C-alpha atoms as a PDB file:
ATOM      1  CA  MET A   1     159.921 132.406 143.388  1.00  0.00           C
ATOM      2  CA  PHE A   2     160.389 132.685 147.161  1.00  0.00           C
ATOM      3  CA  VAL A   3     160.349 136.487 146.954  1.00  0.00           C
ATOM      4  CA  PHE A   4     157.185 136.423 144.815  1.00  0.00           C
ATOM      5  CA  ILE A   5     155.385 134.126 147.267  1.00  0.00           C
ATOM      6  CA  GLY A   6     156.432 136.403 150.134  1.00  0.00           C
ATOM      7  CA  MET A   7     155.080 139.440 148.334  1.00  0.00           C
ATOM      8  CA  LEU A   8     151.771 137.703 147.622  1.00  0.00           C
ATOM      9  CA  ALA A   9     151.489 136.699 151.274  1.00  0.00           C
ATOM     10  CA  ILE A  10     152.072 140.272 152.429  1.00  0.00           C
ATOM     11  CA  VAL A  11     149.535 141.642 149.947  1.00  0.00           C
ATOM     12  CA  GLY A  12     146.965 139.011 150.923  1.00  0.00           C
ATOM     13  CA  LEU A  13     147.381 139.560 154.649  1.00  0.00           C
ATOM     14  CA  ASN A  14     147.230 143.330 154.333  1.00  0.00           C
ATOM     15  CA  THR A  15     144.150 143.236 152.096  1.00  0.00           C
ATOM     16  CA  GLY A  16     142.445 140.692 154.339  1.00  0.00           C
ATOM     17  CA  THR A  17     143.167 142.807 157.394  1.00  0.00           C
ATOM     18  CA  CYS A  18     141.745 145.866 155.636  1.00  0.00           C
ATOM     19  CA  TYR A  19     138.586 143.940 154.762  1.00  0.00           C
ATOM     20  CA  LEU A  20     138.136 142.682 158.322  1.00  0.00           C
ATOM     21  CA  ILE A  21     138.662 146.164 159.757  1.00  0.00           C
ATOM     22  CA  MET A  22     136.161 147.643 157.301  1.00  0.00           C
ATOM     23  CA  LYS A  23     133.581 144.919 157.917  1.00  0.00           C
ATOM     24  CA  TYR A  24     133.793 144.410 161.688  1.00  0.00           C
ATOM     25  CA  GLY A  25     135.834 147.318 163.067  1.00  0.00           C
ATOM     26  CA  THR A  26     134.437 150.437 161.455  1.00  0.00           C
ATOM     27  CA  LYS A  27     131.419 148.826 159.703  1.00  0.00           C
ATOM     28  CA  ASP A  28     132.106 150.833 156.536  1.00  0.00           C
ATOM     29  CA  THR A  29     131.030 148.060 154.144  1.00  0.00           C
ATOM     30  CA  GLU A  30     127.358 149.040 154.458  1.00  0.00           C
ATOM     31  CA  GLU A  31     128.109 152.695 153.677  1.00  0.00           C
ATOM     32  CA  ILE A  32     130.038 152.249 150.418  1.00  0.00           C
ATOM     33  CA  SER A  33     128.645 150.946 147.130  1.00  0.00           C
ATOM     34  CA  SER A  34     131.590 148.691 146.306  1.00  0.00           C
ATOM     35  CA  ILE A  35     134.188 147.294 148.673  1.00  0.00           C
ATOM     36  CA  TRP A  36     136.494 146.367 145.775  1.00  0.00           C
ATOM     37  CA  VAL A  37     137.746 149.891 145.068  1.00  0.00           C
ATOM     38  CA  PRO A  38     139.431 150.411 148.462  1.00  0.00           C
ATOM     39  CA  LEU A  39     140.666 146.815 148.522  1.00  0.00           C
ATOM     40  CA  VAL A  40     142.256 147.116 145.072  1.00  0.00           C
ATOM     41  CA  LEU A  41     143.910 150.391 146.099  1.00  0.00           C
ATOM     42  CA  ILE A  42     145.272 148.668 149.227  1.00  0.00           C
ATOM     43  CA  MET A  43     146.493 145.753 147.079  1.00  0.00           C
ATOM     44  CA  ILE A  44     148.330 148.024 144.648  1.00  0.00           C
ATOM     45  CA  SER A  45     149.949 150.190 147.318  1.00  0.00           C
ATOM     46  CA  THR A  46     150.968 147.129 149.353  1.00  0.00           C
ATOM     47  CA  LEU A  47     152.420 145.440 146.270  1.00  0.00           C
ATOM     48  CA  ILE A  48     154.542 148.501 145.475  1.00  0.00           C
ATOM     49  CA  THR A  49     155.763 148.825 149.072  1.00  0.00           C
ATOM     50  CA  ALA A  50     156.496 145.094 149.387  1.00  0.00           C
ATOM     51  CA  GLU A  51     158.393 145.141 146.084  1.00  0.00           C
ATOM     52  CA  LEU A  52     160.591 147.972 147.341  1.00  0.00           C
ATOM     53  CA  PHE A  53     161.538 146.326 150.626  1.00  0.00           C
ATOM     54  CA  ILE A  54     161.663 142.668 149.578  1.00  0.00           C
ATOM     55  CA  GLY A  55     163.467 143.619 146.358  1.00  0.00           C
ATOM     56  CA  LEU A  56     166.245 145.212 148.407  1.00  0.00           C
ATOM     57  CA  PHE A  57     166.413 142.110 150.611  1.00  0.00           C
ATOM     58  CA  SER A  58     166.652 139.873 147.552  1.00  0.00           C
ATOM     59  CA  GLU A  59     169.499 141.947 146.115  1.00  0.00           C
ATOM     60  CA  ALA A  60     171.377 141.804 149.436  1.00  0.00           C
ATOM     61  CA  VAL A  61     171.041 138.012 149.604  1.00  0.00           C
ATOM     62  CA  THR A  62     172.202 137.639 145.989  1.00  0.00           C
ATOM     63  CA  ALA A  63     175.214 139.909 146.593  1.00  0.00           C
ATOM     64  CA  THR A  64     176.199 137.999 149.747  1.00  0.00           C
ATOM     65  CA  LEU A  65     175.988 134.642 147.993  1.00  0.00           C
ATOM     66  CA  MET A  66     177.932 135.946 144.987  1.00  0.00           C
ATOM     67  CA  SER A  67     180.684 137.313 147.251  1.00  0.00           C
ATOM     68  CA  MET A  68     180.905 133.981 149.078  1.00  0.00           C
ATOM     69  CA  ALA A  69     181.067 132.073 145.764  1.00  0.00           C
ATOM     70  CA  VAL A  70     183.885 134.278 144.445  1.00  0.00           C
ATOM     71  CA  ASP A  71     185.748 133.962 147.769  1.00  0.00           C
ATOM     72  CA  ILE A  72     185.496 130.158 147.688  1.00  0.00           C
ATOM     73  CA  GLU A  73     186.530 130.032 144.013  1.00  0.00           C
ATOM     74  CA  LEU A  74     189.614 132.236 144.542  1.00  0.00           C
ATOM     75  CA  ASN A  75     190.751 130.894 147.928  1.00  0.00           C
ATOM     76  CA  GLY A  76     189.395 127.341 148.045  1.00  0.00           C
ATOM     77  CA  GLU A  77     187.508 128.160 151.226  1.00  0.00           C
ATOM     78  CA  CYS A  78     185.437 130.971 152.649  1.00  0.00           C
ATOM     79  CA  LYS A  79     188.247 133.235 153.912  1.00  0.00           C
ATOM     80  CA  PHE A  80     186.818 136.754 154.143  1.00  0.00           C
ATOM     81  CA  GLY A  81     183.777 138.098 155.984  1.00  0.00           C
ATOM     82  CA  SER A  82     182.634 138.828 159.496  1.00  0.00           C
ATOM     83  CA  PRO A  83     183.194 136.368 162.374  1.00  0.00           C
ATOM     84  CA  SER A  84     179.459 135.778 162.741  1.00  0.00           C
ATOM     85  CA  PHE A  85     179.270 134.893 159.039  1.00  0.00           C
ATOM     86  CA  HIS A  86     182.032 132.295 159.495  1.00  0.00           C
ATOM     87  CA  GLU A  87     180.357 130.836 162.594  1.00  0.00           C
ATOM     88  CA  LYS A  88     177.105 130.365 160.689  1.00  0.00           C
ATOM     89  CA  MET A  89     178.921 128.932 157.673  1.00  0.00           C
ATOM     90  CA  ASP A  90     180.699 126.414 159.918  1.00  0.00           C
ATOM     91  CA  LYS A  91     177.336 125.305 161.312  1.00  0.00           C
ATOM     92  CA  ILE A  92     175.947 124.877 157.788  1.00  0.00           C
ATOM     93  CA  MET A  93     178.959 123.026 156.415  1.00  0.00           C
END
């Protein structure tokens, strides 16, 4: 759900920025018959791009948490990983 909310926020901000630029920056809203066509195209392209990048981030987080869970299950504690990972885990625990 967190990833979905992040994607919606990115799409909303990008579409809103496009609208503001078209209305106040370039003043293109008076020249076109419908402002919805470019905004929908921006929404779709932003959604696809956000899905690509945030989807990769979500997979990386899931893989890291799965590796930590397996490490704790096999060793009783978090034994493997980088020193910075252990420092942050010590702060959390």
